[in-house]
Amino acid sequence: MSKLIPQPQPTFLIGNLKEIDSTHGLESLKRLHKLYGDIYRLTFFNKSFVVVCSQEITNFVCDESKFDKNVSQALEELRAAAGDGLFTAHTSEPNWKLAHKILMPAFGPQAIRDMFPAMMDICTQLILRWERFAGEEIDVCDNLTRLTLDTIALCSFNYRFNSFYHNTMHRFVDAMINVLIESGKRVGRFSLQNTLMMTT
């Protein structure tokens, strides 16, 4: 027999927004976990989210035979630039299965273990940079973006962006970030606005 997923009592218009402390978000989710169990629903304005808090339920919802991948609006917009790639494809499209078959062995447990030295290499660059600028203000978001993209480039394509040795990002990284930002912005605009904005 099916049961409704528990949810805190929503407030008119804002839903469960008051349940989450903006400065202690994780603690808020832990508190709700204690109150409602391993699975609960939250609503923020007109968006509904299901939160799972156990390995068993996580394994269940990650079962591709039972659940489908959701292509969000921002990813739909990204399809204009990236086509039907791994992140942007619907599971019914042929390229989703093809990308999945190619990437699964390349990112299996042993393949990931083999990438550890390259990951350590990039992490060491980050640590050295932070040591060099000790006492100065560090843009953590920027540095972690560099860490992520440098690691992906080295581990997946054996290419070095060397982002930690330059003040500006590699041209490819700049272009990719701009495409991702614009795809997100397009979701918030009216379709007529997007049509008229020819340069974006």
N, C-alpha and C. Protein backbone atom coordinates (compact mmCIF):
# COMPACT_ATOMS: atom_id res chain seq x y z
N MET A 1 0.84 -1.18 0.00
CA MET A 1 0.00 0.00 0.00
C MET A 1 0.89 1.25 0.00
N SER A 2 0.59 2.18 -0.91
CA SER A 2 1.41 3.39 -1.03
C SER A 2 1.08 4.38 0.09
N LYS A 3 2.13 5.13 0.52
CA LYS A 3 1.96 6.13 1.56
C LYS A 3 2.41 7.48 1.02
N LEU A 4 1.78 8.53 1.50
CA LEU A 4 2.21 9.87 1.10
C LEU A 4 3.56 10.18 1.75
N ILE A 5 4.41 10.86 1.00
CA ILE A 5 5.70 11.28 1.54
C ILE A 5 5.44 12.40 2.53
N PRO A 6 5.94 12.27 3.78
CA PRO A 6 5.67 13.32 4.77
C PRO A 6 6.29 14.66 4.39
N GLN A 7 5.64 15.72 4.86
CA GLN A 7 6.09 17.08 4.53
C GLN A 7 5.69 18.03 5.66
N PRO A 8 6.58 18.95 6.02
CA PRO A 8 6.17 19.98 6.99
C PRO A 8 5.01 20.79 6.42
N GLN A 9 4.18 21.34 7.31
CA GLN A 9 3.04 22.14 6.88
C GLN A 9 3.53 23.35 6.09
N PRO A 10 3.17 23.47 4.79
CA PRO A 10 3.65 24.61 4.00
C PRO A 10 2.92 25.90 4.36
N THR A 11 3.60 27.01 4.19
CA THR A 11 3.02 28.34 4.38
C THR A 11 2.55 28.85 3.01
N PHE A 12 1.48 29.62 3.01
CA PHE A 12 0.92 30.15 1.76
C PHE A 12 2.01 30.85 0.94
N LEU A 13 2.07 30.56 -0.33
CA LEU A 13 3.00 31.09 -1.32
C LEU A 13 4.44 30.59 -1.17
N ILE A 14 5.05 30.73 0.01
CA ILE A 14 6.47 30.39 0.15
C ILE A 14 6.71 28.92 0.47
N GLY A 15 5.67 28.17 0.77
CA GLY A 15 5.83 26.74 1.05
C GLY A 15 6.60 26.50 2.34
N ASN A 16 7.69 25.71 2.25
CA ASN A 16 8.49 25.34 3.43
C ASN A 16 9.75 26.18 3.58
N LEU A 17 9.77 27.35 2.97
CA LEU A 17 10.97 28.18 2.97
C LEU A 17 11.44 28.50 4.40
N LYS A 18 10.51 28.72 5.33
CA LYS A 18 10.87 29.08 6.70
C LYS A 18 11.50 27.91 7.47
N GLU A 19 11.39 26.69 6.93
CA GLU A 19 11.98 25.51 7.59
C GLU A 19 13.50 25.48 7.44
N ILE A 20 14.03 26.19 6.44
CA ILE A 20 15.47 26.15 6.16
C ILE A 20 16.13 27.44 6.62
N ASP A 21 17.09 27.30 7.52
CA ASP A 21 17.89 28.42 7.99
C ASP A 21 18.98 28.68 6.95
N SER A 22 18.99 29.86 6.36
CA SER A 22 19.92 30.15 5.26
C SER A 22 21.38 30.07 5.69
N THR A 23 21.67 30.27 6.98
CA THR A 23 23.06 30.19 7.44
C THR A 23 23.44 28.80 7.95
N HIS A 24 22.45 27.95 8.21
CA HIS A 24 22.71 26.59 8.70
C HIS A 24 21.81 25.60 7.95
N GLY A 25 21.97 25.59 6.61
CA GLY A 25 21.11 24.76 5.76
C GLY A 25 21.18 23.28 6.07
N LEU A 26 22.40 22.75 6.24
CA LEU A 26 22.57 21.31 6.50
C LEU A 26 21.93 20.92 7.82
N GLU A 27 22.11 21.77 8.86
CA GLU A 27 21.50 21.48 10.16
C GLU A 27 19.97 21.47 10.06
N SER A 28 19.42 22.34 9.21
CA SER A 28 17.97 22.37 9.01
C SER A 28 17.49 21.05 8.41
N LEU A 29 18.23 20.55 7.41
CA LEU A 29 17.85 19.28 6.78
C LEU A 29 17.98 18.12 7.77
N LYS A 30 19.00 18.15 8.62
CA LYS A 30 19.16 17.11 9.64
C LYS A 30 18.00 17.12 10.63
N ARG A 31 17.58 18.34 11.03
CA ARG A 31 16.44 18.47 11.95
C ARG A 31 15.17 17.89 11.33
N LEU A 32 14.94 18.19 10.05
CA LEU A 32 13.76 17.65 9.36
C LEU A 32 13.85 16.14 9.21
N HIS A 33 15.07 15.62 9.03
CA HIS A 33 15.28 14.18 8.95
C HIS A 33 14.84 13.51 10.25
N LYS A 34 15.21 14.10 11.39
CA LYS A 34 14.81 13.54 12.68
C LYS A 34 13.29 13.57 12.86
N LEU A 35 12.67 14.64 12.34
CA LEU A 35 11.21 14.79 12.50
C LEU A 35 10.41 13.91 11.55
N TYR A 36 10.88 13.78 10.29
CA TYR A 36 10.05 13.14 9.26
C TYR A 36 10.60 11.82 8.73
N GLY A 37 11.81 11.44 9.13
CA GLY A 37 12.35 10.14 8.71
C GLY A 37 13.26 10.25 7.50
N ASP A 38 13.50 9.10 6.87
CA ASP A 38 14.50 8.99 5.80
C ASP A 38 14.08 9.59 4.47
N ILE A 39 12.81 9.94 4.34
CA ILE A 39 12.36 10.58 3.10
C ILE A 39 11.27 11.59 3.44
N TYR A 40 11.40 12.79 2.90
CA TYR A 40 10.38 13.81 3.12
C TYR A 40 10.37 14.78 1.94
N ARG A 41 9.30 15.54 1.85
CA ARG A 41 9.12 16.48 0.74
C ARG A 41 9.20 17.92 1.27
N LEU A 42 9.79 18.78 0.46
CA LEU A 42 9.82 20.21 0.76
C LEU A 42 9.30 20.98 -0.45
N THR A 43 8.59 22.05 -0.20
CA THR A 43 8.09 22.90 -1.28
C THR A 43 8.61 24.31 -1.06
N PHE A 44 9.23 24.87 -2.11
CA PHE A 44 9.67 26.26 -2.07
C PHE A 44 8.96 26.99 -3.21
N PHE A 45 8.07 27.89 -2.84
CA PHE A 45 7.23 28.60 -3.81
C PHE A 45 6.45 27.55 -4.61
N ASN A 46 6.70 27.44 -5.93
CA ASN A 46 5.92 26.47 -6.71
C ASN A 46 6.75 25.22 -7.08
N LYS A 47 7.93 25.06 -6.46
CA LYS A 47 8.79 23.91 -6.75
C LYS A 47 8.74 22.91 -5.59
N SER A 48 8.64 21.64 -5.94
CA SER A 48 8.59 20.58 -4.93
C SER A 48 9.82 19.70 -5.04
N PHE A 49 10.43 19.36 -3.90
CA PHE A 49 11.64 18.53 -3.85
C PHE A 49 11.43 17.38 -2.88
N VAL A 50 11.97 16.22 -3.23
CA VAL A 50 11.95 15.08 -2.32
C VAL A 50 13.37 14.90 -1.80
N VAL A 51 13.52 14.85 -0.47
CA VAL A 51 14.82 14.69 0.17
C VAL A 51 14.93 13.27 0.70
N VAL A 52 16.00 12.56 0.31
CA VAL A 52 16.23 11.20 0.82
C VAL A 52 17.47 11.21 1.71
N CYS A 53 17.41 10.44 2.80
CA CYS A 53 18.46 10.52 3.83
C CYS A 53 19.03 9.16 4.21
N SER A 54 18.86 8.15 3.38
CA SER A 54 19.44 6.85 3.71
C SER A 54 20.06 6.23 2.46
N GLN A 55 21.06 5.40 2.67
CA GLN A 55 21.73 4.72 1.55
C GLN A 55 20.75 3.81 0.81
N GLU A 56 19.88 3.16 1.56
CA GLU A 56 18.91 2.22 0.96
C GLU A 56 17.99 2.94 -0.03
N ILE A 57 17.44 4.08 0.39
CA ILE A 57 16.53 4.82 -0.49
C ILE A 57 17.30 5.45 -1.64
N THR A 58 18.52 5.92 -1.36
CA THR A 58 19.35 6.49 -2.43
C THR A 58 19.62 5.45 -3.51
N ASN A 59 19.97 4.23 -3.11
CA ASN A 59 20.19 3.15 -4.07
C ASN A 59 18.93 2.88 -4.88
N PHE A 60 17.77 2.93 -4.21
CA PHE A 60 16.50 2.68 -4.88
C PHE A 60 16.21 3.74 -5.95
N VAL A 61 16.38 5.03 -5.58
CA VAL A 61 16.06 6.10 -6.54
C VAL A 61 17.10 6.21 -7.65
N CYS A 62 18.28 5.60 -7.44
CA CYS A 62 19.31 5.61 -8.50
C CYS A 62 19.16 4.42 -9.44
N ASP A 63 18.16 3.59 -9.22
CA ASP A 63 17.91 2.43 -10.08
C ASP A 63 17.29 2.92 -11.39
N GLU A 64 18.07 2.85 -12.47
CA GLU A 64 17.63 3.40 -13.75
C GLU A 64 16.46 2.63 -14.37
N SER A 65 16.21 1.41 -13.87
CA SER A 65 15.07 0.65 -14.40
C SER A 65 13.75 1.16 -13.81
N LYS A 66 13.83 1.94 -12.71
CA LYS A 66 12.62 2.44 -12.05
C LYS A 66 12.43 3.95 -12.22
N PHE A 67 13.54 4.69 -12.36
CA PHE A 67 13.46 6.15 -12.42
C PHE A 67 14.16 6.67 -13.67
N ASP A 68 13.68 7.79 -14.16
CA ASP A 68 14.23 8.39 -15.37
C ASP A 68 15.03 9.64 -15.02
N LYS A 69 15.98 9.99 -15.87
CA LYS A 69 16.77 11.20 -15.68
C LYS A 69 15.94 12.43 -16.05
N ASN A 70 16.02 13.46 -15.24
CA ASN A 70 15.28 14.69 -15.50
C ASN A 70 16.18 15.69 -16.20
N VAL A 71 15.76 16.15 -17.36
CA VAL A 71 16.49 17.22 -18.06
C VAL A 71 15.82 18.53 -17.70
N SER A 72 16.50 19.31 -16.85
CA SER A 72 15.92 20.57 -16.35
C SER A 72 15.82 21.60 -17.48
N GLN A 73 15.14 22.71 -17.18
CA GLN A 73 14.97 23.76 -18.18
C GLN A 73 16.31 24.34 -18.63
N ALA A 74 17.23 24.51 -17.66
CA ALA A 74 18.55 25.05 -18.00
C ALA A 74 19.29 24.10 -18.94
N LEU A 75 19.16 22.79 -18.71
CA LEU A 75 19.80 21.81 -19.59
C LEU A 75 19.13 21.78 -20.96
N GLU A 76 17.81 22.01 -20.99
CA GLU A 76 17.10 22.11 -22.27
C GLU A 76 17.67 23.27 -23.08
N GLU A 77 17.92 24.39 -22.41
CA GLU A 77 18.50 25.55 -23.09
C GLU A 77 19.92 25.24 -23.56
N LEU A 78 20.66 24.47 -22.76
CA LEU A 78 22.04 24.12 -23.10
C LEU A 78 22.13 23.24 -24.34
N ARG A 79 21.04 22.54 -24.66
CA ARG A 79 21.02 21.68 -25.85
C ARG A 79 21.28 22.46 -27.13
N ALA A 80 20.95 23.76 -27.13
CA ALA A 80 21.20 24.61 -28.32
C ALA A 80 22.70 24.64 -28.63
N ALA A 81 23.53 24.58 -27.59
CA ALA A 81 24.99 24.63 -27.79
C ALA A 81 25.62 23.24 -27.77
N ALA A 82 25.12 22.36 -26.88
CA ALA A 82 25.78 21.07 -26.65
C ALA A 82 25.11 19.89 -27.34
N GLY A 83 23.90 20.09 -27.85
CA GLY A 83 23.19 18.97 -28.47
C GLY A 83 22.73 17.96 -27.42
N ASP A 84 22.55 16.72 -27.86
CA ASP A 84 22.06 15.68 -26.95
C ASP A 84 23.22 14.87 -26.36
N GLY A 85 24.01 15.54 -25.51
CA GLY A 85 25.13 14.89 -24.85
C GLY A 85 24.70 14.16 -23.60
N LEU A 86 25.66 13.70 -22.81
CA LEU A 86 25.37 12.90 -21.63
C LEU A 86 24.44 13.60 -20.66
N PHE A 87 24.69 14.89 -20.37
CA PHE A 87 23.88 15.60 -19.39
C PHE A 87 22.61 16.17 -19.99
N THR A 88 22.63 16.47 -21.28
CA THR A 88 21.50 17.16 -21.90
C THR A 88 20.53 16.23 -22.60
N ALA A 89 20.92 14.99 -22.84
CA ALA A 89 20.05 14.06 -23.58
C ALA A 89 18.94 13.49 -22.71
N HIS A 90 17.80 13.27 -23.33
CA HIS A 90 16.72 12.52 -22.67
C HIS A 90 17.09 11.04 -22.80
N THR A 91 16.67 10.24 -21.82
CA THR A 91 17.06 8.82 -21.84
C THR A 91 16.48 8.06 -23.02
N SER A 92 15.47 8.62 -23.67
CA SER A 92 14.88 7.96 -24.84
C SER A 92 15.71 8.20 -26.11
N GLU A 93 16.66 9.14 -26.06
CA GLU A 93 17.45 9.47 -27.24
C GLU A 93 18.63 8.51 -27.40
N PRO A 94 18.98 8.16 -28.64
CA PRO A 94 20.06 7.18 -28.86
C PRO A 94 21.41 7.59 -28.29
N ASN A 95 21.73 8.89 -28.34
CA ASN A 95 23.04 9.34 -27.86
C ASN A 95 23.20 9.20 -26.34
N TRP A 96 22.09 9.17 -25.60
CA TRP A 96 22.17 8.94 -24.15
C TRP A 96 22.75 7.55 -23.88
N LYS A 97 22.20 6.55 -24.57
CA LYS A 97 22.69 5.17 -24.36
C LYS A 97 24.13 5.03 -24.84
N LEU A 98 24.45 5.66 -25.96
CA LEU A 98 25.81 5.60 -26.50
C LEU A 98 26.82 6.23 -25.53
N ALA A 99 26.50 7.42 -25.05
CA ALA A 99 27.40 8.11 -24.11
C ALA A 99 27.55 7.31 -22.82
N HIS A 100 26.46 6.72 -22.37
CA HIS A 100 26.47 5.91 -21.16
C HIS A 100 27.40 4.71 -21.32
N LYS A 101 27.30 4.03 -22.46
CA LYS A 101 28.13 2.84 -22.72
C LYS A 101 29.61 3.19 -22.82
N ILE A 102 29.90 4.35 -23.39
CA ILE A 102 31.30 4.76 -23.55
C ILE A 102 31.89 5.17 -22.20
N LEU A 103 31.12 5.93 -21.42
CA LEU A 103 31.66 6.52 -20.20
C LEU A 103 31.64 5.60 -18.98
N MET A 104 30.74 4.64 -18.93
CA MET A 104 30.66 3.77 -17.75
C MET A 104 31.98 3.05 -17.48
N PRO A 105 32.60 2.39 -18.48
CA PRO A 105 33.88 1.73 -18.19
C PRO A 105 34.99 2.74 -17.88
N ALA A 106 34.94 3.89 -18.55
CA ALA A 106 35.99 4.90 -18.35
C ALA A 106 35.95 5.51 -16.95
N PHE A 107 34.79 5.45 -16.29
CA PHE A 107 34.66 6.02 -14.95
C PHE A 107 34.21 4.98 -13.93
N GLY A 108 34.59 3.73 -14.16
CA GLY A 108 34.34 2.66 -13.20
C GLY A 108 35.28 2.79 -12.02
N PRO A 109 35.10 1.94 -10.99
CA PRO A 109 35.92 2.04 -9.77
C PRO A 109 37.43 1.98 -10.02
N GLN A 110 37.88 1.05 -10.86
CA GLN A 110 39.32 0.94 -11.10
C GLN A 110 39.85 2.14 -11.87
N ALA A 111 39.06 2.61 -12.85
CA ALA A 111 39.48 3.78 -13.63
C ALA A 111 39.61 5.00 -12.73
N ILE A 112 38.68 5.16 -11.79
CA ILE A 112 38.75 6.30 -10.86
C ILE A 112 39.99 6.18 -9.97
N ARG A 113 40.29 4.96 -9.51
CA ARG A 113 41.50 4.76 -8.69
C ARG A 113 42.75 5.15 -9.47
N ASP A 114 42.76 4.82 -10.75
CA ASP A 114 43.92 5.15 -11.60
C ASP A 114 44.08 6.66 -11.77
N MET A 115 43.00 7.41 -11.55
CA MET A 115 43.05 8.87 -11.70
C MET A 115 43.55 9.57 -10.43
N PHE A 116 43.67 8.85 -9.33
CA PHE A 116 44.07 9.47 -8.06
C PHE A 116 45.35 10.29 -8.15
N PRO A 117 46.43 9.78 -8.80
CA PRO A 117 47.65 10.60 -8.88
C PRO A 117 47.42 11.94 -9.59
N ALA A 118 46.63 11.94 -10.66
CA ALA A 118 46.34 13.19 -11.37
C ALA A 118 45.50 14.12 -10.49
N MET A 119 44.54 13.53 -9.76
CA MET A 119 43.72 14.34 -8.84
C MET A 119 44.59 14.97 -7.76
N MET A 120 45.52 14.18 -7.21
CA MET A 120 46.43 14.69 -6.19
C MET A 120 47.32 15.81 -6.74
N ASP A 121 47.72 15.66 -7.99
CA ASP A 121 48.55 16.67 -8.66
C ASP A 121 47.84 18.03 -8.64
N ILE A 122 46.57 18.04 -9.07
CA ILE A 122 45.82 19.29 -9.14
C ILE A 122 45.51 19.82 -7.73
N CYS A 123 45.19 18.92 -6.79
CA CYS A 123 44.95 19.34 -5.40
C CYS A 123 46.19 19.99 -4.81
N THR A 124 47.35 19.43 -5.12
CA THR A 124 48.61 19.99 -4.63
C THR A 124 48.82 21.40 -5.17
N GLN A 125 48.45 21.63 -6.44
CA GLN A 125 48.56 22.97 -7.02
C GLN A 125 47.68 23.96 -6.27
N LEU A 126 46.46 23.52 -5.91
CA LEU A 126 45.55 24.38 -5.15
C LEU A 126 46.15 24.73 -3.78
N ILE A 127 46.66 23.71 -3.09
CA ILE A 127 47.24 23.93 -1.75
C ILE A 127 48.44 24.87 -1.83
N LEU A 128 49.31 24.66 -2.84
CA LEU A 128 50.48 25.54 -3.01
C LEU A 128 50.05 26.98 -3.28
N ARG A 129 49.00 27.14 -4.08
CA ARG A 129 48.50 28.49 -4.37
C ARG A 129 48.01 29.16 -3.08
N TRP A 130 47.25 28.41 -2.27
CA TRP A 130 46.73 28.98 -1.02
C TRP A 130 47.86 29.30 -0.05
N GLU A 131 48.88 28.46 -0.03
CA GLU A 131 50.04 28.75 0.84
C GLU A 131 50.76 30.02 0.37
N ARG A 132 50.86 30.18 -0.95
CA ARG A 132 51.56 31.33 -1.52
C ARG A 132 50.81 32.63 -1.21
N PHE A 133 49.48 32.57 -1.15
CA PHE A 133 48.67 33.77 -0.89
C PHE A 133 48.13 33.79 0.54
N ALA A 134 48.81 33.12 1.45
CA ALA A 134 48.38 33.09 2.86
C ALA A 134 48.27 34.51 3.39
N GLY A 135 47.16 34.77 4.10
CA GLY A 135 46.95 36.11 4.66
C GLY A 135 46.19 37.04 3.73
N GLU A 136 46.09 36.67 2.45
CA GLU A 136 45.33 37.48 1.49
C GLU A 136 43.95 36.89 1.30
N GLU A 137 43.06 37.69 0.75
CA GLU A 137 41.70 37.20 0.48
C GLU A 137 41.74 36.24 -0.70
N ILE A 138 41.07 35.09 -0.54
CA ILE A 138 41.04 34.05 -1.58
C ILE A 138 39.62 33.89 -2.08
N ASP A 139 39.44 33.90 -3.39
CA ASP A 139 38.13 33.65 -3.99
C ASP A 139 37.96 32.13 -4.08
N VAL A 140 37.33 31.57 -3.07
CA VAL A 140 37.22 30.11 -2.95
C VAL A 140 36.41 29.53 -4.11
N CYS A 141 35.31 30.19 -4.47
CA CYS A 141 34.47 29.70 -5.57
C CYS A 141 35.28 29.61 -6.87
N ASP A 142 36.02 30.66 -7.17
CA ASP A 142 36.86 30.68 -8.37
C ASP A 142 37.91 29.57 -8.31
N ASN A 143 38.55 29.41 -7.16
CA ASN A 143 39.61 28.40 -7.01
C ASN A 143 39.06 26.99 -7.15
N LEU A 144 37.86 26.74 -6.59
CA LEU A 144 37.28 25.40 -6.69
C LEU A 144 36.79 25.11 -8.11
N THR A 145 36.38 26.15 -8.84
CA THR A 145 36.04 25.97 -10.26
C THR A 145 37.28 25.57 -11.03
N ARG A 146 38.40 26.24 -10.76
CA ARG A 146 39.67 25.90 -11.40
C ARG A 146 40.07 24.46 -11.06
N LEU A 147 39.93 24.10 -9.78
CA LEU A 147 40.26 22.74 -9.33
C LEU A 147 39.44 21.70 -10.09
N THR A 148 38.14 21.93 -10.17
CA THR A 148 37.23 20.99 -10.83
C THR A 148 37.58 20.83 -12.31
N LEU A 149 37.68 21.95 -13.02
CA LEU A 149 37.90 21.89 -14.46
C LEU A 149 39.30 21.38 -14.82
N ASP A 150 40.30 21.76 -14.02
CA ASP A 150 41.65 21.25 -14.26
C ASP A 150 41.72 19.74 -14.03
N THR A 151 41.01 19.27 -13.00
CA THR A 151 40.99 17.83 -12.70
C THR A 151 40.30 17.06 -13.81
N ILE A 152 39.14 17.55 -14.27
CA ILE A 152 38.42 16.88 -15.36
C ILE A 152 39.29 16.84 -16.62
N ALA A 153 39.92 17.97 -16.95
CA ALA A 153 40.74 18.05 -18.17
C ALA A 153 41.91 17.06 -18.11
N LEU A 154 42.59 17.01 -16.96
CA LEU A 154 43.76 16.14 -16.84
C LEU A 154 43.36 14.67 -16.78
N CYS A 155 42.35 14.36 -15.97
CA CYS A 155 41.94 12.95 -15.80
C CYS A 155 41.25 12.38 -17.03
N SER A 156 40.45 13.19 -17.69
CA SER A 156 39.66 12.68 -18.81
C SER A 156 40.33 12.84 -20.16
N PHE A 157 41.09 13.93 -20.33
CA PHE A 157 41.63 14.24 -21.66
C PHE A 157 43.15 14.40 -21.69
N ASN A 158 43.78 14.16 -20.53
CA ASN A 158 45.23 14.28 -20.42
C ASN A 158 45.71 15.66 -20.92
N TYR A 159 44.93 16.68 -20.56
CA TYR A 159 45.24 18.05 -20.98
C TYR A 159 45.34 18.93 -19.74
N ARG A 160 46.31 19.83 -19.72
CA ARG A 160 46.49 20.72 -18.58
C ARG A 160 46.06 22.14 -18.92
N PHE A 161 45.06 22.66 -18.21
CA PHE A 161 44.69 24.07 -18.33
C PHE A 161 45.68 24.95 -17.56
N ASN A 162 46.30 24.37 -16.51
CA ASN A 162 47.23 25.12 -15.65
C ASN A 162 46.59 26.40 -15.11
N SER A 163 45.35 26.30 -14.67
CA SER A 163 44.60 27.47 -14.20
C SER A 163 45.22 28.15 -12.99
N PHE A 164 45.93 27.37 -12.17
CA PHE A 164 46.50 27.94 -10.95
C PHE A 164 47.77 28.75 -11.21
N TYR A 165 48.25 28.74 -12.44
CA TYR A 165 49.45 29.49 -12.79
C TYR A 165 49.13 30.76 -13.56
N HIS A 166 47.83 31.05 -13.73
CA HIS A 166 47.41 32.24 -14.48
C HIS A 166 46.31 32.96 -13.72
N ASN A 167 46.23 34.26 -13.87
CA ASN A 167 45.15 35.03 -13.24
C ASN A 167 43.83 34.83 -13.98
N THR A 168 43.90 34.69 -15.30
CA THR A 168 42.69 34.50 -16.09
C THR A 168 42.52 33.02 -16.42
N MET A 169 41.28 32.64 -16.67
CA MET A 169 40.98 31.25 -17.04
C MET A 169 41.40 31.00 -18.49
N HIS A 170 41.59 29.73 -18.81
CA HIS A 170 41.83 29.31 -20.19
C HIS A 170 40.64 29.76 -21.04
N ARG A 171 40.89 30.11 -22.31
CA ARG A 171 39.80 30.62 -23.17
C ARG A 171 38.65 29.62 -23.29
N PHE A 172 38.96 28.34 -23.36
CA PHE A 172 37.91 27.32 -23.46
C PHE A 172 37.04 27.32 -22.21
N VAL A 173 37.69 27.41 -21.05
CA VAL A 173 36.96 27.42 -19.77
C VAL A 173 36.07 28.65 -19.69
N ASP A 174 36.60 29.81 -20.06
CA ASP A 174 35.80 31.05 -20.07
C ASP A 174 34.56 30.89 -20.95
N ALA A 175 34.77 30.36 -22.13
CA ALA A 175 33.66 30.18 -23.08
C ALA A 175 32.62 29.21 -22.52
N MET A 176 33.08 28.11 -21.92
CA MET A 176 32.16 27.11 -21.38
C MET A 176 31.34 27.70 -20.22
N ILE A 177 32.00 28.43 -19.33
CA ILE A 177 31.30 29.04 -18.20
C ILE A 177 30.27 30.05 -18.70
N ASN A 178 30.63 30.84 -19.71
CA ASN A 178 29.68 31.82 -20.27
C ASN A 178 28.46 31.14 -20.87
N VAL A 179 28.66 30.00 -21.53
CA VAL A 179 27.54 29.25 -22.12
C VAL A 179 26.63 28.73 -21.01
N LEU A 180 27.22 28.20 -19.94
CA LEU A 180 26.42 27.68 -18.81
C LEU A 180 25.64 28.79 -18.13
N ILE A 181 26.28 29.94 -17.92
CA ILE A 181 25.59 31.07 -17.29
C ILE A 181 24.43 31.56 -18.16
N GLU A 182 24.69 31.70 -19.46
CA GLU A 182 23.64 32.18 -20.37
C GLU A 182 22.48 31.19 -20.44
N SER A 183 22.78 29.89 -20.43
CA SER A 183 21.70 28.89 -20.45
C SER A 183 20.81 29.03 -19.23
N GLY A 184 21.43 29.31 -18.07
CA GLY A 184 20.65 29.52 -16.85
C GLY A 184 19.82 30.78 -16.92
N LYS A 185 20.39 31.85 -17.49
CA LYS A 185 19.66 33.13 -17.61
C LYS A 185 18.47 33.01 -18.55
N ARG A 186 18.62 32.22 -19.61
CA ARG A 186 17.55 32.09 -20.61
C ARG A 186 16.29 31.49 -20.00
N VAL A 187 16.46 30.66 -18.99
CA VAL A 187 15.29 30.04 -18.33
C VAL A 187 14.42 31.10 -17.67
N GLY A 188 15.05 32.14 -17.12
CA GLY A 188 14.31 33.17 -16.40
C GLY A 188 13.71 34.25 -17.28
N ARG A 189 13.97 34.18 -18.59
CA ARG A 189 13.43 35.21 -19.50
C ARG A 189 12.21 34.69 -20.24
N PHE A 190 11.42 35.64 -20.77
CA PHE A 190 10.31 35.27 -21.65
C PHE A 190 10.91 34.80 -22.98
N SER A 191 10.22 33.90 -23.67
CA SER A 191 10.74 33.36 -24.92
C SER A 191 10.97 34.46 -25.96
N LEU A 192 10.12 35.50 -25.96
CA LEU A 192 10.30 36.61 -26.90
C LEU A 192 11.60 37.34 -26.62
N GLN A 193 11.93 37.52 -25.33
CA GLN A 193 13.19 38.16 -24.96
C GLN A 193 14.38 37.38 -25.53
N ASN A 194 14.34 36.04 -25.35
CA ASN A 194 15.43 35.20 -25.86
C ASN A 194 15.54 35.28 -27.37
N THR A 195 14.40 35.38 -28.04
CA THR A 195 14.42 35.47 -29.50
C THR A 195 15.05 36.78 -29.96
N LEU A 196 14.75 37.87 -29.25
CA LEU A 196 15.27 39.18 -29.62
C LEU A 196 16.73 39.39 -29.24
N MET A 197 17.22 38.62 -28.28
CA MET A 197 18.61 38.78 -27.83
C MET A 197 19.53 37.95 -28.71
N MET A 198 19.82 38.47 -29.88
CA MET A 198 20.56 37.73 -30.88
C MET A 198 22.03 37.52 -30.50
N THR A 199 22.60 38.40 -29.68
CA THR A 199 24.04 38.31 -29.38
C THR A 199 24.34 37.37 -28.22
N THR A 200 23.33 36.84 -27.52
CA THR A 200 23.59 36.00 -26.35
C THR A 200 23.47 34.53 -26.70
